[in-house]
Amino acid sequence: MLNQYETVFILTPVLSDTQVKETVTKFKNVIAENGGEIVYEEDWGLKKLAYPINKKTTGFYYLIEFKANGETIDKLETQYRRDERVIRFLTFKLDKFAAEYAIKRRSNKSVEKKVEE
């Protein structure tokens, strides 16, 4: 049985847009290659950090929501630790209430996009 997870990672701010996309693709591939299924992803863009990390005050934030088994999480987090472009990361398992909230959050985002158009 696959559990539902959400991972957020922060990339170093000195990367170009293509480097950010390459890095995100790399992590999405790690999930897919290990039997995971990506449910949703969101690029939060360049944001100010709450406190400096490695003398950096900003970073590119990215969220990926996916279904996978526990072994996939181990492999994904190993890749985060090995990649020097990743400043911080957090992966957590969604319980049924968090999963319902994530669905509601996604539907609200799609409604907001339709209103803007």
PDB file of N, CA and C in Angstrom:
ATOM      1  N   MET A   1       0.845  -1.187   0.000  1.00  0.00           N
ATOM      2  CA  MET A   1       0.000   0.000   0.000  1.00  0.00           C
ATOM      3  C   MET A   1       0.887   1.245   0.000  1.00  0.00           C
ATOM      4  N   LEU A   2       0.500   2.200  -0.815  1.00  0.00           N
ATOM      5  CA  LEU A   2       1.264   3.443  -0.892  1.00  0.00           C
ATOM      6  C   LEU A   2       0.701   4.475   0.076  1.00  0.00           C
ATOM      7  N   ASN A   3       1.587   5.121   0.805  1.00  0.00           N
ATOM      8  CA  ASN A   3       1.201   6.206   1.688  1.00  0.00           C
ATOM      9  C   ASN A   3       1.327   7.525   0.939  1.00  0.00           C
ATOM     10  N   GLN A   4       0.622   8.530   1.420  1.00  0.00           N
ATOM     11  CA  GLN A   4       0.700   9.844   0.775  1.00  0.00           C
ATOM     12  C   GLN A   4       1.677  10.722   1.561  1.00  0.00           C
ATOM     13  N   TYR A   5       2.582  11.359   0.827  1.00  0.00           N
ATOM     14  CA  TYR A   5       3.617  12.202   1.417  1.00  0.00           C
ATOM     15  C   TYR A   5       3.629  13.566   0.764  1.00  0.00           C
ATOM     16  N   GLU A   6       4.232  14.492   1.477  1.00  0.00           N
ATOM     17  CA  GLU A   6       4.465  15.831   0.943  1.00  0.00           C
ATOM     18  C   GLU A   6       5.907  16.169   1.254  1.00  0.00           C
ATOM     19  N   THR A   7       6.624  16.695   0.280  1.00  0.00           N
ATOM     20  CA  THR A   7       7.995  17.105   0.512  1.00  0.00           C
ATOM     21  C   THR A   7       8.171  18.534   0.022  1.00  0.00           C
ATOM     22  N   VAL A   8       8.867  19.320   0.820  1.00  0.00           N
ATOM     23  CA  VAL A   8       9.215  20.685   0.445  1.00  0.00           C
ATOM     24  C   VAL A   8      10.726  20.787   0.544  1.00  0.00           C
ATOM     25  N   PHE A   9      11.343  21.352  -0.495  1.00  0.00           N
ATOM     26  CA  PHE A   9      12.783  21.560  -0.427  1.00  0.00           C
ATOM     27  C   PHE A   9      13.112  22.963  -0.883  1.00  0.00           C
ATOM     28  N   ILE A  10      14.233  23.461  -0.377  1.00  0.00           N
ATOM     29  CA  ILE A  10      14.704  24.806  -0.691  1.00  0.00           C
ATOM     30  C   ILE A  10      16.026  24.673  -1.427  1.00  0.00           C
ATOM     31  N   LEU A  11      16.089  25.295  -2.598  1.00  0.00           N
ATOM     32  CA  LEU A  11      17.303  25.268  -3.407  1.00  0.00           C
ATOM     33  C   LEU A  11      18.053  26.584  -3.264  1.00  0.00           C
ATOM     34  N   THR A  12      19.360  26.525  -3.432  1.00  0.00           N
ATOM     35  CA  THR A  12      20.213  27.700  -3.309  1.00  0.00           C
ATOM     36  C   THR A  12      19.787  28.778  -4.317  1.00  0.00           C
ATOM     37  N   PRO A  13      19.838  30.055  -3.941  1.00  0.00           N
ATOM     38  CA  PRO A  13      19.331  31.129  -4.799  1.00  0.00           C
ATOM     39  C   PRO A  13      20.232  31.482  -5.984  1.00  0.00           C
ATOM     40  N   VAL A  14      21.417  30.923  -6.089  1.00  0.00           N
ATOM     41  CA  VAL A  14      22.328  31.290  -7.179  1.00  0.00           C
ATOM     42  C   VAL A  14      22.057  30.486  -8.453  1.00  0.00           C
ATOM     43  N   LEU A  15      21.047  29.624  -8.436  1.00  0.00           N
ATOM     44  CA  LEU A  15      20.743  28.792  -9.596  1.00  0.00           C
ATOM     45  C   LEU A  15      19.940  29.575 -10.640  1.00  0.00           C
ATOM     46  N   SER A  16      20.121  29.207 -11.908  1.00  0.00           N
ATOM     47  CA  SER A  16      19.298  29.774 -12.972  1.00  0.00           C
ATOM     48  C   SER A  16      17.981  29.004 -13.024  1.00  0.00           C
ATOM     49  N   ASP A  17      17.032  29.501 -13.799  1.00  0.00           N
ATOM     50  CA  ASP A  17      15.739  28.818 -13.921  1.00  0.00           C
ATOM     51  C   ASP A  17      15.901  27.405 -14.474  1.00  0.00           C
ATOM     52  N   THR A  18      16.788  27.243 -15.448  1.00  0.00           N
ATOM     53  CA  THR A  18      16.981  25.903 -16.029  1.00  0.00           C
ATOM     54  C   THR A  18      17.605  24.950 -15.014  1.00  0.00           C
ATOM     55  N   GLN A  19      18.521  25.451 -14.180  1.00  0.00           N
ATOM     56  CA  GLN A  19      19.126  24.598 -13.153  1.00  0.00           C
ATOM     57  C   GLN A  19      18.101  24.184 -12.110  1.00  0.00           C
ATOM     58  N   VAL A  20      17.195  25.095 -11.754  1.00  0.00           N
ATOM     59  CA  VAL A  20      16.131  24.765 -10.805  1.00  0.00           C
ATOM     60  C   VAL A  20      15.242  23.678 -11.398  1.00  0.00           C
ATOM     61  N   LYS A  21      14.852  23.840 -12.672  1.00  0.00           N
ATOM     62  CA  LYS A  21      13.991  22.847 -13.321  1.00  0.00           C
ATOM     63  C   LYS A  21      14.681  21.489 -13.418  1.00  0.00           C
ATOM     64  N   GLU A  22      15.979  21.485 -13.724  1.00  0.00           N
ATOM     65  CA  GLU A  22      16.736  20.229 -13.787  1.00  0.00           C
ATOM     66  C   GLU A  22      16.746  19.524 -12.436  1.00  0.00           C
ATOM     67  N   THR A  23      16.954  20.305 -11.376  1.00  0.00           N
ATOM     68  CA  THR A  23      17.008  19.734 -10.032  1.00  0.00           C
ATOM     69  C   THR A  23      15.649  19.153  -9.639  1.00  0.00           C
ATOM     70  N   VAL A  24      14.588  19.890  -9.905  1.00  0.00           N
ATOM     71  CA  VAL A  24      13.241  19.413  -9.589  1.00  0.00           C
ATOM     72  C   VAL A  24      12.944  18.136 -10.370  1.00  0.00           C
ATOM     73  N   THR A  25      13.300  18.116 -11.644  1.00  0.00           N
ATOM     74  CA  THR A  25      13.092  16.925 -12.477  1.00  0.00           C
ATOM     75  C   THR A  25      13.857  15.731 -11.914  1.00  0.00           C
ATOM     76  N   LYS A  26      15.059  15.977 -11.434  1.00  0.00           N
ATOM     77  CA  LYS A  26      15.875  14.903 -10.845  1.00  0.00           C
ATOM     78  C   LYS A  26      15.141  14.261  -9.667  1.00  0.00           C
ATOM     79  N   PHE A  27      14.588  15.090  -8.771  1.00  0.00           N
ATOM     80  CA  PHE A  27      13.898  14.556  -7.600  1.00  0.00           C
ATOM     81  C   PHE A  27      12.578  13.886  -7.973  1.00  0.00           C
ATOM     82  N   LYS A  28      11.880  14.419  -8.961  1.00  0.00           N
ATOM     83  CA  LYS A  28      10.651  13.777  -9.431  1.00  0.00           C
ATOM     84  C   LYS A  28      10.962  12.413 -10.036  1.00  0.00           C
ATOM     85  N   ASN A  29      12.079  12.313 -10.740  1.00  0.00           N
ATOM     86  CA  ASN A  29      12.485  11.030 -11.317  1.00  0.00           C
ATOM     87  C   ASN A  29      12.827  10.011 -10.236  1.00  0.00           C
ATOM     88  N   VAL A  30      13.459  10.450  -9.152  1.00  0.00           N
ATOM     89  CA  VAL A  30      13.775   9.544  -8.039  1.00  0.00           C
ATOM     90  C   VAL A  30      12.478   8.949  -7.489  1.00  0.00           C
ATOM     91  N   ILE A  31      11.459   9.789  -7.357  1.00  0.00           N
ATOM     92  CA  ILE A  31      10.165   9.311  -6.850  1.00  0.00           C
ATOM     93  C   ILE A  31       9.564   8.299  -7.829  1.00  0.00           C
ATOM     94  N   ALA A  32       9.534   8.656  -9.112  1.00  0.00           N
ATOM     95  CA  ALA A  32       8.914   7.792 -10.121  1.00  0.00           C
ATOM     96  C   ALA A  32       9.671   6.478 -10.295  1.00  0.00           C
ATOM     97  N   GLU A  33      11.005   6.521 -10.288  1.00  0.00           N
ATOM     98  CA  GLU A  33      11.805   5.317 -10.491  1.00  0.00           C
ATOM     99  C   GLU A  33      11.664   4.319  -9.350  1.00  0.00           C
ATOM    100  N   ASN A  34      11.267   4.796  -8.181  1.00  0.00           N
ATOM    101  CA  ASN A  34      11.128   3.921  -7.025  1.00  0.00           C
ATOM    102  C   ASN A  34       9.671   3.571  -6.729  1.00  0.00           C
ATOM    103  N   GLY A  35       8.831   3.647  -7.742  1.00  0.00           N
ATOM    104  CA  GLY A  35       7.446   3.206  -7.600  1.00  0.00           C
ATOM    105  C   GLY A  35       6.501   4.242  -7.044  1.00  0.00           C
ATOM    106  N   GLY A  36       6.927   5.484  -6.958  1.00  0.00           N
ATOM    107  CA  GLY A  36       6.060   6.543  -6.454  1.00  0.00           C
ATOM    108  C   GLY A  36       5.205   7.148  -7.555  1.00  0.00           C
ATOM    109  N   GLU A  37       4.177   7.838  -7.134  1.00  0.00           N
ATOM    110  CA  GLU A  37       3.257   8.486  -8.074  1.00  0.00           C
ATOM    111  C   GLU A  37       3.074   9.932  -7.625  1.00  0.00           C
ATOM    112  N   ILE A  38       3.436  10.881  -8.482  1.00  0.00           N
ATOM    113  CA  ILE A  38       3.322  12.293  -8.132  1.00  0.00           C
ATOM    114  C   ILE A  38       1.872  12.722  -8.299  1.00  0.00           C
ATOM    115  N   VAL A  39       1.331  13.291  -7.210  1.00  0.00           N
ATOM    116  CA  VAL A  39      -0.062  13.714  -7.194  1.00  0.00           C
ATOM    117  C   VAL A  39      -0.173  15.190  -7.569  1.00  0.00           C
ATOM    118  N   TYR A  40       0.728  16.004  -7.033  1.00  0.00           N
ATOM    119  CA  TYR A  40       0.644  17.450  -7.217  1.00  0.00           C
ATOM    120  C   TYR A  40       2.018  18.055  -6.986  1.00  0.00           C
ATOM    121  N   GLU A  41       2.300  19.138  -7.678  1.00  0.00           N
ATOM    122  CA  GLU A  41       3.542  19.863  -7.439  1.00  0.00           C
ATOM    123  C   GLU A  41       3.281  21.347  -7.573  1.00  0.00           C
ATOM    124  N   GLU A  42       4.062  22.120  -6.853  1.00  0.00           N
ATOM    125  CA  GLU A  42       3.857  23.565  -6.849  1.00  0.00           C
ATOM    126  C   GLU A  42       5.197  24.272  -6.664  1.00  0.00           C
ATOM    127  N   ASP A  43       5.459  25.225  -7.537  1.00  0.00           N
ATOM    128  CA  ASP A  43       6.667  26.032  -7.454  1.00  0.00           C
ATOM    129  C   ASP A  43       6.323  27.307  -6.687  1.00  0.00           C
ATOM    130  N   TRP A  44       6.914  27.455  -5.513  1.00  0.00           N
ATOM    131  CA  TRP A  44       6.632  28.637  -4.702  1.00  0.00           C
ATOM    132  C   TRP A  44       7.557  29.792  -5.048  1.00  0.00           C
ATOM    133  N   GLY A  45       8.578  29.524  -5.827  1.00  0.00           N
ATOM    134  CA  GLY A  45       9.468  30.586  -6.291  1.00  0.00           C
ATOM    135  C   GLY A  45      10.523  30.989  -5.273  1.00  0.00           C
ATOM    136  N   LEU A  46      11.143  32.127  -5.550  1.00  0.00           N
ATOM    137  CA  LEU A  46      12.208  32.649  -4.693  1.00  0.00           C
ATOM    138  C   LEU A  46      11.590  33.373  -3.508  1.00  0.00           C
ATOM    139  N   LYS A  47      11.931  32.934  -2.300  1.00  0.00           N
ATOM    140  CA  LYS A  47      11.381  33.539  -1.075  1.00  0.00           C
ATOM    141  C   LYS A  47      12.503  33.818  -0.083  1.00  0.00           C
ATOM    142  N   LYS A  48      12.222  34.753   0.808  1.00  0.00           N
ATOM    143  CA  LYS A  48      13.176  35.085   1.862  1.00  0.00           C
ATOM    144  C   LYS A  48      13.123  34.003   2.936  1.00  0.00           C
ATOM    145  N   LEU A  49      14.290  33.598   3.417  1.00  0.00           N
ATOM    146  CA  LEU A  49      14.359  32.604   4.484  1.00  0.00           C
ATOM    147  C   LEU A  49      14.094  33.278   5.833  1.00  0.00           C
ATOM    148  N   ALA A  50      13.586  32.525   6.782  1.00  0.00           N
ATOM    149  CA  ALA A  50      13.318  33.056   8.114  1.00  0.00           C
ATOM    150  C   ALA A  50      14.607  33.427   8.831  1.00  0.00           C
ATOM    151  N   TYR A  51      15.679  32.706   8.527  1.00  0.00           N
ATOM    152  CA  TYR A  51      16.994  32.987   9.097  1.00  0.00           C
ATOM    153  C   TYR A  51      18.040  32.565   8.076  1.00  0.00           C
ATOM    154  N   PRO A  52      19.222  33.155   8.108  1.00  0.00           N
ATOM    155  CA  PRO A  52      20.250  32.792   7.114  1.00  0.00           C
ATOM    156  C   PRO A  52      20.695  31.336   7.268  1.00  0.00           C
ATOM    157  N   ILE A  53      20.866  30.678   6.128  1.00  0.00           N
ATOM    158  CA  ILE A  53      21.374  29.310   6.092  1.00  0.00           C
ATOM    159  C   ILE A  53      22.581  29.322   5.166  1.00  0.00           C
ATOM    160  N   ASN A  54      23.721  28.932   5.671  1.00  0.00           N
ATOM    161  CA  ASN A  54      24.962  28.949   4.884  1.00  0.00           C
ATOM    162  C   ASN A  54      25.204  30.318   4.242  1.00  0.00           C
ATOM    163  N   LYS A  55      24.944  31.365   5.000  1.00  0.00           N
ATOM    164  CA  LYS A  55      25.122  32.762   4.566  1.00  0.00           C
ATOM    165  C   LYS A  55      24.204  33.157   3.415  1.00  0.00           C
ATOM    166  N   LYS A  56      23.111  32.421   3.217  1.00  0.00           N
ATOM    167  CA  LYS A  56      22.128  32.753   2.186  1.00  0.00           C
ATOM    168  C   LYS A  56      20.843  33.203   2.879  1.00  0.00           C
ATOM    169  N   THR A  57      20.205  34.223   2.317  1.00  0.00           N
ATOM    170  CA  THR A  57      18.990  34.760   2.935  1.00  0.00           C
ATOM    171  C   THR A  57      17.732  34.477   2.107  1.00  0.00           C
ATOM    172  N   THR A  58      17.903  33.921   0.891  1.00  0.00           N
ATOM    173  CA  THR A  58      16.761  33.570   0.053  1.00  0.00           C
ATOM    174  C   THR A  58      16.966  32.169  -0.516  1.00  0.00           C
ATOM    175  N   GLY A  59      15.904  31.612  -1.069  1.00  0.00           N
ATOM    176  CA  GLY A  59      16.001  30.296  -1.680  1.00  0.00           C
ATOM    177  C   GLY A  59      14.777  30.001  -2.525  1.00  0.00           C
ATOM    178  N   PHE A  60      14.921  29.070  -3.459  1.00  0.00           N
ATOM    179  CA  PHE A  60      13.807  28.631  -4.294  1.00  0.00           C
ATOM    180  C   PHE A  60      13.075  27.501  -3.578  1.00  0.00           C
ATOM    181  N   TYR A  61      11.803  27.720  -3.285  1.00  0.00           N
ATOM    182  CA  TYR A  61      10.989  26.730  -2.592  1.00  0.00           C
ATOM    183  C   TYR A  61      10.203  25.912  -3.613  1.00  0.00           C
ATOM    184  N   TYR A  62      10.079  24.598  -3.357  1.00  0.00           N
ATOM    185  CA  TYR A  62       9.305  23.728  -4.246  1.00  0.00           C
ATOM    186  C   TYR A  62       8.605  22.659  -3.420  1.00  0.00           C
ATOM    187  N   LEU A  63       7.338  22.402  -3.740  1.00  0.00           N
ATOM    188  CA  LEU A  63       6.519  21.417  -3.031  1.00  0.00           C
ATOM    189  C   LEU A  63       6.140  20.296  -3.995  1.00  0.00           C
ATOM    190  N   ILE A  64       6.269  19.052  -3.540  1.00  0.00           N
ATOM    191  CA  ILE A  64       5.808  17.904  -4.310  1.00  0.00           C
ATOM    192  C   ILE A  64       4.971  17.023  -3.376  1.00  0.00           C
ATOM    193  N   GLU A  65       3.758  16.713  -3.817  1.00  0.00           N
ATOM    194  CA  GLU A  65       2.890  15.793  -3.082  1.00  0.00           C
ATOM    195  C   GLU A  65       2.846  14.494  -3.885  1.00  0.00           C
ATOM    196  N   PHE A  66       3.056  13.370  -3.227  1.00  0.00           N
ATOM    197  CA  PHE A  66       3.158  12.108  -3.952  1.00  0.00           C
ATOM    198  C   PHE A  66       2.739  10.927  -3.091  1.00  0.00           C
ATOM    199  N   LYS A  67       2.514   9.800  -3.769  1.00  0.00           N
ATOM    200  CA  LYS A  67       2.206   8.538  -3.091  1.00  0.00           C
ATOM    201  C   LYS A  67       3.393   7.615  -3.313  1.00  0.00           C
ATOM    202  N   ALA A  68       3.846   6.977  -2.248  1.00  0.00           N
ATOM    203  CA  ALA A  68       5.011   6.095  -2.347  1.00  0.00           C
ATOM    204  C   ALA A  68       5.087   5.211  -1.110  1.00  0.00           C
ATOM    205  N   ASN A  69       6.063   4.300  -1.116  1.00  0.00           N
ATOM    206  CA  ASN A  69       6.321   3.485   0.069  1.00  0.00           C
ATOM    207  C   ASN A  69       7.496   4.090   0.848  1.00  0.00           C
ATOM    208  N   GLY A  70       7.789   3.549   2.000  1.00  0.00           N
ATOM    209  CA  GLY A  70       8.825   4.106   2.867  1.00  0.00           C
ATOM    210  C   GLY A  70      10.220   4.052   2.282  1.00  0.00           C
ATOM    211  N   GLU A  71      10.497   3.036   1.478  1.00  0.00           N
ATOM    212  CA  GLU A  71      11.830   2.912   0.869  1.00  0.00           C
ATOM    213  C   GLU A  71      12.112   4.069  -0.085  1.00  0.00           C
ATOM    214  N   THR A  72      11.077   4.532  -0.757  1.00  0.00           N
ATOM    215  CA  THR A  72      11.227   5.664  -1.679  1.00  0.00           C
ATOM    216  C   THR A  72      11.661   6.910  -0.921  1.00  0.00           C
ATOM    217  N   ILE A  73      11.112   7.098   0.272  1.00  0.00           N
ATOM    218  CA  ILE A  73      11.454   8.270   1.084  1.00  0.00           C
ATOM    219  C   ILE A  73      12.936   8.228   1.443  1.00  0.00           C
ATOM    220  N   ASP A  74      13.424   7.059   1.847  1.00  0.00           N
ATOM    221  CA  ASP A  74      14.844   6.924   2.182  1.00  0.00           C
ATOM    222  C   ASP A  74      15.724   7.308   1.000  1.00  0.00           C
ATOM    223  N   LYS A  75      15.379   6.821  -0.181  1.00  0.00           N
ATOM    224  CA  LYS A  75      16.183   7.104  -1.375  1.00  0.00           C
ATOM    225  C   LYS A  75      16.098   8.580  -1.762  1.00  0.00           C
ATOM    226  N   LEU A  76      14.898   9.170  -1.638  1.00  0.00           N
ATOM    227  CA  LEU A  76      14.719  10.580  -1.974  1.00  0.00           C
ATOM    228  C   LEU A  76      15.534  11.472  -1.034  1.00  0.00           C
ATOM    229  N   GLU A  77      15.464  11.196   0.259  1.00  0.00           N
ATOM    230  CA  GLU A  77      16.185  12.026   1.216  1.00  0.00           C
ATOM    231  C   GLU A  77      17.696  11.841   1.100  1.00  0.00           C
ATOM    232  N   THR A  78      18.140  10.667   0.700  1.00  0.00           N
ATOM    233  CA  THR A  78      19.563  10.468   0.430  1.00  0.00           C
ATOM    234  C   THR A  78      20.006  11.359  -0.720  1.00  0.00           C
ATOM    235  N   GLN A  79      19.172  11.463  -1.758  1.00  0.00           N
ATOM    236  CA  GLN A  79      19.496  12.334  -2.889  1.00  0.00           C
ATOM    237  C   GLN A  79      19.504  13.801  -2.471  1.00  0.00           C
ATOM    238  N   TYR A  80      18.583  14.192  -1.587  1.00  0.00           N
ATOM    239  CA  TYR A  80      18.586  15.574  -1.065  1.00  0.00           C
ATOM    240  C   TYR A  80      19.916  15.870  -0.373  1.00  0.00           C
ATOM    241  N   ARG A  81      20.350  14.940   0.476  1.00  0.00           N
ATOM    242  CA  ARG A  81      21.589  15.162   1.238  1.00  0.00           C
ATOM    243  C   ARG A  81      22.820  15.215   0.339  1.00  0.00           C
ATOM    244  N   ARG A  82      22.808  14.458  -0.749  1.00  0.00           N
ATOM    245  CA  ARG A  82      23.960  14.415  -1.658  1.00  0.00           C
ATOM    246  C   ARG A  82      24.029  15.630  -2.576  1.00  0.00           C
ATOM    247  N   ASP A  83      22.907  16.277  -2.810  1.00  0.00           N
ATOM    248  CA  ASP A  83      22.854  17.391  -3.760  1.00  0.00           C
ATOM    249  C   ASP A  83      23.216  18.700  -3.061  1.00  0.00           C
ATOM    250  N   GLU A  84      24.299  19.315  -3.485  1.00  0.00           N
ATOM    251  CA  GLU A  84      24.774  20.545  -2.850  1.00  0.00           C
ATOM    252  C   GLU A  84      23.864  21.739  -3.120  1.00  0.00           C
ATOM    253  N   ARG A  85      22.952  21.614  -4.079  1.00  0.00           N
ATOM    254  CA  ARG A  85      22.036  22.714  -4.392  1.00  0.00           C
ATOM    255  C   ARG A  85      20.885  22.815  -3.393  1.00  0.00           C
ATOM    256  N   VAL A  86      20.653  21.763  -2.618  1.00  0.00           N
ATOM    257  CA  VAL A  86      19.554  21.745  -1.653  1.00  0.00           C
ATOM    258  C   VAL A  86      20.041  22.333  -0.323  1.00  0.00           C
ATOM    259  N   ILE A  87      19.365  23.391   0.118  1.00  0.00           N
ATOM    260  CA  ILE A  87      19.719  24.021   1.395  1.00  0.00           C
ATOM    261  C   ILE A  87      19.032  23.275   2.540  1.00  0.00           C
ATOM    262  N   ARG A  88      17.721  23.062   2.403  1.00  0.00           N
ATOM    263  CA  ARG A  88      16.930  22.362   3.417  1.00  0.00           C
ATOM    264  C   ARG A  88      15.845  21.551   2.722  1.00  0.00           C
ATOM    265  N   PHE A  89      15.334  20.528   3.419  1.00  0.00           N
ATOM    266  CA  PHE A  89      14.216  19.745   2.916  1.00  0.00           C
ATOM    267  C   PHE A  89      13.424  19.200   4.086  1.00  0.00           C
ATOM    268  N   LEU A  90      12.169  18.905   3.818  1.00  0.00           N
ATOM    269  CA  LEU A  90      11.304  18.289   4.816  1.00  0.00           C
ATOM    270  C   LEU A  90      10.304  17.404   4.084  1.00  0.00           C
ATOM    271  N   THR A  91      10.226  16.160   4.503  1.00  0.00           N
ATOM    272  CA  THR A  91       9.271  15.212   3.937  1.00  0.00           C
ATOM    273  C   THR A  91       8.440  14.662   5.077  1.00  0.00           C
ATOM    274  N   PHE A  92       7.125  14.646   4.898  1.00  0.00           N
ATOM    275  CA  PHE A  92       6.294  14.087   5.954  1.00  0.00           C
ATOM    276  C   PHE A  92       5.106  13.340   5.362  1.00  0.00           C
ATOM    277  N   LYS A  93       4.646  12.370   6.145  1.00  0.00           N
ATOM    278  CA  LYS A  93       3.527  11.525   5.748  1.00  0.00           C
ATOM    279  C   LYS A  93       2.223  12.246   6.091  1.00  0.00           C
ATOM    280  N   LEU A  94       1.295  12.263   5.138  1.00  0.00           N
ATOM    281  CA  LEU A  94       0.004  12.900   5.368  1.00  0.00           C
ATOM    282  C   LEU A  94      -0.973  11.880   5.952  1.00  0.00           C
ATOM    283  N   ASP A  95      -1.599  12.232   7.073  1.00  0.00           N
ATOM    284  CA  ASP A  95      -2.672  11.368   7.582  1.00  0.00           C
ATOM    285  C   ASP A  95      -3.943  11.680   6.792  1.00  0.00           C
ATOM    286  N   LYS A  96      -5.041  11.029   7.112  1.00  0.00           N
ATOM    287  CA  LYS A  96      -6.248  11.199   6.290  1.00  0.00           C
ATOM    288  C   LYS A  96      -6.770  12.635   6.328  1.00  0.00           C
ATOM    289  N   PHE A  97      -6.598  13.335   7.458  1.00  0.00           N
ATOM    290  CA  PHE A  97      -7.081  14.705   7.561  1.00  0.00           C
ATOM    291  C   PHE A  97      -6.204  15.657   6.751  1.00  0.00           C
ATOM    292  N   ALA A  98      -4.901  15.447   6.806  1.00  0.00           N
ATOM    293  CA  ALA A  98      -3.978  16.274   6.028  1.00  0.00           C
ATOM    294  C   ALA A  98      -4.172  16.037   4.537  1.00  0.00           C
ATOM    295  N   ALA A  99      -4.440  14.793   4.141  1.00  0.00           N
ATOM    296  CA  ALA A  99      -4.679  14.481   2.728  1.00  0.00           C
ATOM    297  C   ALA A  99      -5.952  15.171   2.237  1.00  0.00           C
ATOM    298  N   GLU A 100      -6.995  15.164   3.071  1.00  0.00           N
ATOM    299  CA  GLU A 100      -8.237  15.855   2.705  1.00  0.00           C
ATOM    300  C   GLU A 100      -8.001  17.354   2.579  1.00  0.00           C
ATOM    301  N   TYR A 101      -7.219  17.921   3.502  1.00  0.00           N
ATOM    302  CA  TYR A 101      -6.909  19.340   3.444  1.00  0.00           C
ATOM    303  C   TYR A 101      -6.110  19.677   2.187  1.00  0.00           C
ATOM    304  N   ALA A 102      -5.180  18.807   1.808  1.00  0.00           N
ATOM    305  CA  ALA A 102      -4.372  19.036   0.608  1.00  0.00           C
ATOM    306  C   ALA A 102      -5.259  19.047  -0.637  1.00  0.00           C
ATOM    307  N   ILE A 103      -6.237  18.166  -0.687  1.00  0.00           N
ATOM    308  CA  ILE A 103      -7.174  18.143  -1.819  1.00  0.00           C
ATOM    309  C   ILE A 103      -7.969  19.442  -1.862  1.00  0.00           C
ATOM    310  N   LYS A 104      -8.434  19.886  -0.692  1.00  0.00           N
ATOM    311  CA  LYS A 104      -9.197  21.131  -0.625  1.00  0.00           C
ATOM    312  C   LYS A 104      -8.331  22.322  -1.044  1.00  0.00           C
ATOM    313  N   ARG A 105      -7.084  22.337  -0.602  1.00  0.00           N
ATOM    314  CA  ARG A 105      -6.148  23.427  -0.949  1.00  0.00           C
ATOM    315  C   ARG A 105      -5.913  23.477  -2.462  1.00  0.00           C
ATOM    316  N   ARG A 106      -5.745  22.307  -3.071  1.00  0.00           N
ATOM    317  CA  ARG A 106      -5.538  22.245  -4.521  1.00  0.00           C
ATOM    318  C   ARG A 106      -6.757  22.747  -5.276  1.00  0.00           C
ATOM    319  N   SER A 107      -7.954  22.374  -4.830  1.00  0.00           N
ATOM    320  CA  SER A 107      -9.167  22.813  -5.526  1.00  0.00           C
ATOM    321  C   SER A 107      -9.355  24.314  -5.384  1.00  0.00           C
ATOM    322  N   ASN A 108      -8.983  24.878  -4.235  1.00  0.00           N
ATOM    323  CA  ASN A 108      -9.058  26.336  -4.059  1.00  0.00           C
ATOM    324  C   ASN A 108      -8.091  27.045  -4.989  1.00  0.00           C
ATOM    325  N   LYS A 109      -6.906  26.485  -5.183  1.00  0.00           N
ATOM    326  CA  LYS A 109      -5.918  27.088  -6.089  1.00  0.00           C
ATOM    327  C   LYS A 109      -6.450  27.097  -7.513  1.00  0.00           C
ATOM    328  N   SER A 110      -7.096  26.005  -7.939  1.00  0.00           N
ATOM    329  CA  SER A 110      -7.609  25.949  -9.317  1.00  0.00           C
ATOM    330  C   SER A 110      -8.751  26.937  -9.502  1.00  0.00           C
ATOM    331  N   VAL A 111      -9.561  27.150  -8.466  1.00  0.00           N
ATOM    332  CA  VAL A 111     -10.647  28.133  -8.545  1.00  0.00           C
ATOM    333  C   VAL A 111     -10.058  29.535  -8.658  1.00  0.00           C
ATOM    334  N   GLU A 112      -9.006  29.821  -7.881  1.00  0.00           N
ATOM    335  CA  GLU A 112      -8.366  31.135  -7.935  1.00  0.00           C
ATOM    336  C   GLU A 112      -7.784  31.408  -9.315  1.00  0.00           C
ATOM    337  N   LYS A 113      -7.190  30.400  -9.939  1.00  0.00           N
ATOM    338  CA  LYS A 113      -6.605  30.575 -11.276  1.00  0.00           C
ATOM    339  C   LYS A 113      -7.690  30.869 -12.295  1.00  0.00           C
ATOM    340  N   LYS A 114      -8.854  30.199 -12.194  1.00  0.00           N
ATOM    341  CA  LYS A 114      -9.946  30.434 -13.129  1.00  0.00           C
ATOM    342  C   LYS A 114     -10.489  31.848 -12.978  1.00  0.00           C
ATOM    343  N   VAL A 115     -10.561  32.353 -11.749  1.00  0.00           N
ATOM    344  CA  VAL A 115     -11.060  33.698 -11.492  1.00  0.00           C
ATOM    345  C   VAL A 115     -10.112  34.731 -12.104  1.00  0.00           C
ATOM    346  N   GLU A 116      -8.789  34.486 -12.008  1.00  0.00           N
ATOM    347  CA  GLU A 116      -7.805  35.421 -12.546  1.00  0.00           C
ATOM    348  C   GLU A 116      -7.889  35.489 -14.064  1.00  0.00           C
ATOM    349  N   GLU A 117      -8.267  34.390 -14.715  1.00  0.00           N
ATOM    350  CA  GLU A 117      -8.340  34.359 -16.183  1.00  0.00           C
ATOM    351  C   GLU A 117      -9.564  35.079 -16.612  1.00  0.00           C
TER     352      GLU A 117
END
